[in-house]
């Protein structure tokens, strides 16, 4: 049984803080997730990563990290154009928060373990 209120996709695509029960290491994507779908017996082996077709350079990534969302005017036109091209204009308000969480989780995964 899936508990939708604990769905990373749901949390990634809606504003607000992260729940206390969510470990910092849980973040694995900017939006979406679909890990639950990828491990299901009917879907196993059917999921693959595809190139997005667009990427953000360092300056654009810095703009995303610095923004507070809510149609922040500090976003460069190029960032908005790329989000629109990918059909992601509606997630601008959560993009900075999600990217911060994803980078922090990535750092946790690459940190050498003690012992």
C-alpha atoms as a PDB file:
ATOM      1  CA  UNK A   1       0.000   0.000   0.000  1.00  0.00           C
ATOM      2  CA  UNK A   2       1.346   3.399  -0.958  1.00  0.00           C
ATOM      3  CA  UNK A   3       1.008   6.366   1.347  1.00  0.00           C
ATOM      4  CA  UNK A   4       0.495   9.298  -1.001  1.00  0.00           C
ATOM      5  CA  UNK A   5       1.190  11.855   1.732  1.00  0.00           C
ATOM      6  CA  UNK A   6       4.756  10.489   1.824  1.00  0.00           C
ATOM      7  CA  UNK A   7       5.256  10.695  -1.938  1.00  0.00           C
ATOM      8  CA  UNK A   8       8.391  12.619  -2.939  1.00  0.00           C
ATOM      9  CA  UNK A   9       6.728  13.689  -6.187  1.00  0.00           C
ATOM     10  CA  UNK A  10       3.870  15.256  -4.235  1.00  0.00           C
ATOM     11  CA  UNK A  11       6.271  17.015  -1.875  1.00  0.00           C
ATOM     12  CA  UNK A  12       8.590  18.186  -4.678  1.00  0.00           C
ATOM     13  CA  UNK A  13       5.808  19.780  -6.660  1.00  0.00           C
ATOM     14  CA  UNK A  14       4.075  21.630  -3.823  1.00  0.00           C
ATOM     15  CA  UNK A  15       5.299  24.572  -1.814  1.00  0.00           C
ATOM     16  CA  UNK A  16       6.170  24.414   1.838  1.00  0.00           C
ATOM     17  CA  UNK A  17       8.868  22.955   4.003  1.00  0.00           C
ATOM     18  CA  UNK A  18       9.993  19.365   4.090  1.00  0.00           C
ATOM     19  CA  UNK A  19       8.286  17.191   6.689  1.00  0.00           C
ATOM     20  CA  UNK A  20      10.272  16.227   9.790  1.00  0.00           C
ATOM     21  CA  UNK A  21      10.053  12.514   8.932  1.00  0.00           C
ATOM     22  CA  UNK A  22      11.865  12.971   5.593  1.00  0.00           C
ATOM     23  CA  UNK A  23      15.609  12.324   5.784  1.00  0.00           C
ATOM     24  CA  UNK A  24      17.828  14.840   3.976  1.00  0.00           C
ATOM     25  CA  UNK A  25      19.206  11.977   1.888  1.00  0.00           C
ATOM     26  CA  UNK A  26      15.772  11.187   0.370  1.00  0.00           C
ATOM     27  CA  UNK A  27      15.987  13.830  -2.354  1.00  0.00           C
ATOM     28  CA  UNK A  28      16.875  12.331  -5.721  1.00  0.00           C
ATOM     29  CA  UNK A  29      15.295  14.674  -8.260  1.00  0.00           C
ATOM     30  CA  UNK A  30      14.143  18.244  -8.825  1.00  0.00           C
ATOM     31  CA  UNK A  31      10.565  17.235  -9.545  1.00  0.00           C
ATOM     32  CA  UNK A  32       8.806  13.956  -9.933  1.00  0.00           C
ATOM     33  CA  UNK A  33      10.583  10.867  -8.656  1.00  0.00           C
ATOM     34  CA  UNK A  34       8.759   7.690  -9.704  1.00  0.00           C
ATOM     35  CA  UNK A  35      11.024   5.403  -7.652  1.00  0.00           C
ATOM     36  CA  UNK A  36       7.918   3.572  -6.464  1.00  0.00           C
ATOM     37  CA  UNK A  37       6.932   2.971 -10.086  1.00  0.00           C
ATOM     38  CA  UNK A  38      10.376   1.836 -11.195  1.00  0.00           C
ATOM     39  CA  UNK A  39      10.550  -1.013  -8.674  1.00  0.00           C
ATOM     40  CA  UNK A  40       7.059  -2.386  -9.286  1.00  0.00           C
ATOM     41  CA  UNK A  41       7.037  -5.830 -10.923  1.00  0.00           C
ATOM     42  CA  UNK A  42       5.139  -4.631 -14.020  1.00  0.00           C
ATOM     43  CA  UNK A  43       7.541  -1.724 -14.567  1.00  0.00           C
ATOM     44  CA  UNK A  44      10.860  -3.317 -13.563  1.00  0.00           C
ATOM     45  CA  UNK A  45      13.426  -2.706 -16.274  1.00  0.00           C
ATOM     46  CA  UNK A  46      11.230  -0.335 -18.260  1.00  0.00           C
ATOM     47  CA  UNK A  47      12.485   2.946 -16.805  1.00  0.00           C
ATOM     48  CA  UNK A  48      15.547   4.640 -18.248  1.00  0.00           C
ATOM     49  CA  UNK A  49      17.125   8.055 -18.012  1.00  0.00           C
ATOM     50  CA  UNK A  50      16.832  10.272 -21.033  1.00  0.00           C
ATOM     51  CA  UNK A  51      18.813  13.432 -21.731  1.00  0.00           C
ATOM     52  CA  UNK A  52      16.680  16.461 -20.975  1.00  0.00           C
ATOM     53  CA  UNK A  53      17.709  18.341 -24.104  1.00  0.00           C
ATOM     54  CA  UNK A  54      18.434  21.467 -22.090  1.00  0.00           C
ATOM     55  CA  UNK A  55      20.866  22.200 -19.310  1.00  0.00           C
ATOM     56  CA  UNK A  56      21.648  25.124 -17.064  1.00  0.00           C
ATOM     57  CA  UNK A  57      25.071  26.748 -16.990  1.00  0.00           C
ATOM     58  CA  UNK A  58      26.738  27.903 -13.753  1.00  0.00           C
ATOM     59  CA  UNK A  59      25.246  31.394 -13.875  1.00  0.00           C
ATOM     60  CA  UNK A  60      21.744  30.086 -14.507  1.00  0.00           C
ATOM     61  CA  UNK A  61      22.124  27.511 -11.731  1.00  0.00           C
ATOM     62  CA  UNK A  62      23.270  30.274  -9.381  1.00  0.00           C
ATOM     63  CA  UNK A  63      20.155  32.270 -10.330  1.00  0.00           C
ATOM     64  CA  UNK A  64      17.971  29.282  -9.489  1.00  0.00           C
ATOM     65  CA  UNK A  65      19.717  28.725  -6.149  1.00  0.00           C
ATOM     66  CA  UNK A  66      19.465  32.420  -5.251  1.00  0.00           C
ATOM     67  CA  UNK A  67      15.796  32.787  -6.123  1.00  0.00           C
ATOM     68  CA  UNK A  68      13.047  32.449  -3.599  1.00  0.00           C
ATOM     69  CA  UNK A  69      10.578  31.336  -6.274  1.00  0.00           C
ATOM     70  CA  UNK A  70       7.268  33.113  -6.684  1.00  0.00           C
ATOM     71  CA  UNK A  71       8.118  34.473 -10.118  1.00  0.00           C
ATOM     72  CA  UNK A  72      11.321  36.034  -8.839  1.00  0.00           C
ATOM     73  CA  UNK A  73      12.545  38.694 -11.240  1.00  0.00           C
ATOM     74  CA  UNK A  74      16.180  37.697 -10.664  1.00  0.00           C
ATOM     75  CA  UNK A  75      15.703  34.686 -12.946  1.00  0.00           C
ATOM     76  CA  UNK A  76      17.371  35.290 -16.244  1.00  0.00           C
ATOM     77  CA  UNK A  77      15.232  35.123 -19.339  1.00  0.00           C
ATOM     78  CA  UNK A  78      17.268  32.086 -20.421  1.00  0.00           C
ATOM     79  CA  UNK A  79      16.257  30.189 -17.264  1.00  0.00           C
ATOM     80  CA  UNK A  80      12.588  30.965 -17.833  1.00  0.00           C
ATOM     81  CA  UNK A  81      12.862  30.011 -21.518  1.00  0.00           C
ATOM     82  CA  UNK A  82      14.449  26.656 -20.666  1.00  0.00           C
ATOM     83  CA  UNK A  83      11.818  25.918 -18.037  1.00  0.00           C
ATOM     84  CA  UNK A  84       9.088  26.789 -20.539  1.00  0.00           C
ATOM     85  CA  UNK A  85      10.696  24.590 -23.229  1.00  0.00           C
ATOM     86  CA  UNK A  86      10.664  21.643 -20.808  1.00  0.00           C
ATOM     87  CA  UNK A  87       7.072  22.369 -19.736  1.00  0.00           C
ATOM     88  CA  UNK A  88       8.259  23.241 -16.224  1.00  0.00           C
ATOM     89  CA  UNK A  89       7.245  26.893 -15.882  1.00  0.00           C
ATOM     90  CA  UNK A  90       4.793  25.974 -13.151  1.00  0.00           C
ATOM     91  CA  UNK A  91       7.547  24.662 -10.837  1.00  0.00           C
ATOM     92  CA  UNK A  92       9.562  27.879 -10.758  1.00  0.00           C
ATOM     93  CA  UNK A  93       8.249  28.586  -7.242  1.00  0.00           C
ATOM     94  CA  UNK A  94       9.753  25.349  -5.824  1.00  0.00           C
ATOM     95  CA  UNK A  95      12.814  24.970  -8.032  1.00  0.00           C
ATOM     96  CA  UNK A  96      15.291  26.739  -5.743  1.00  0.00           C
ATOM     97  CA  UNK A  97      14.124  24.818  -2.666  1.00  0.00           C
ATOM     98  CA  UNK A  98      14.295  21.498  -4.531  1.00  0.00           C
ATOM     99  CA  UNK A  99      17.731  22.183  -6.008  1.00  0.00           C
ATOM    100  CA  UNK A 100      19.114  23.073  -2.574  1.00  0.00           C
ATOM    101  CA  UNK A 101      17.699  19.805  -1.182  1.00  0.00           C
ATOM    102  CA  UNK A 102      19.028  17.759  -4.102  1.00  0.00           C
ATOM    103  CA  UNK A 103      22.538  19.203  -3.789  1.00  0.00           C
ATOM    104  CA  UNK A 104      22.560  18.593  -0.027  1.00  0.00           C
ATOM    105  CA  UNK A 105      21.420  14.979  -0.522  1.00  0.00           C
ATOM    106  CA  UNK A 106      24.064  14.457  -3.189  1.00  0.00           C
ATOM    107  CA  UNK A 107      26.745  15.743  -0.806  1.00  0.00           C
ATOM    108  CA  UNK A 108      25.508  13.293   1.855  1.00  0.00           C
ATOM    109  CA  UNK A 109      25.768  10.391  -0.595  1.00  0.00           C
ATOM    110  CA  UNK A 110      29.300  11.297  -1.698  1.00  0.00           C
ATOM    111  CA  UNK A 111      30.639  12.008   1.779  1.00  0.00           C
ATOM    112  CA  UNK A 112      33.052   9.269   2.911  1.00  0.00           C
ATOM    113  CA  UNK A 113      31.656   7.245   5.786  1.00  0.00           C
ATOM    114  CA  UNK A 114      33.434   7.226   9.124  1.00  0.00           C
ATOM    115  CA  UNK A 115      34.943   3.922  10.136  1.00  0.00           C
END
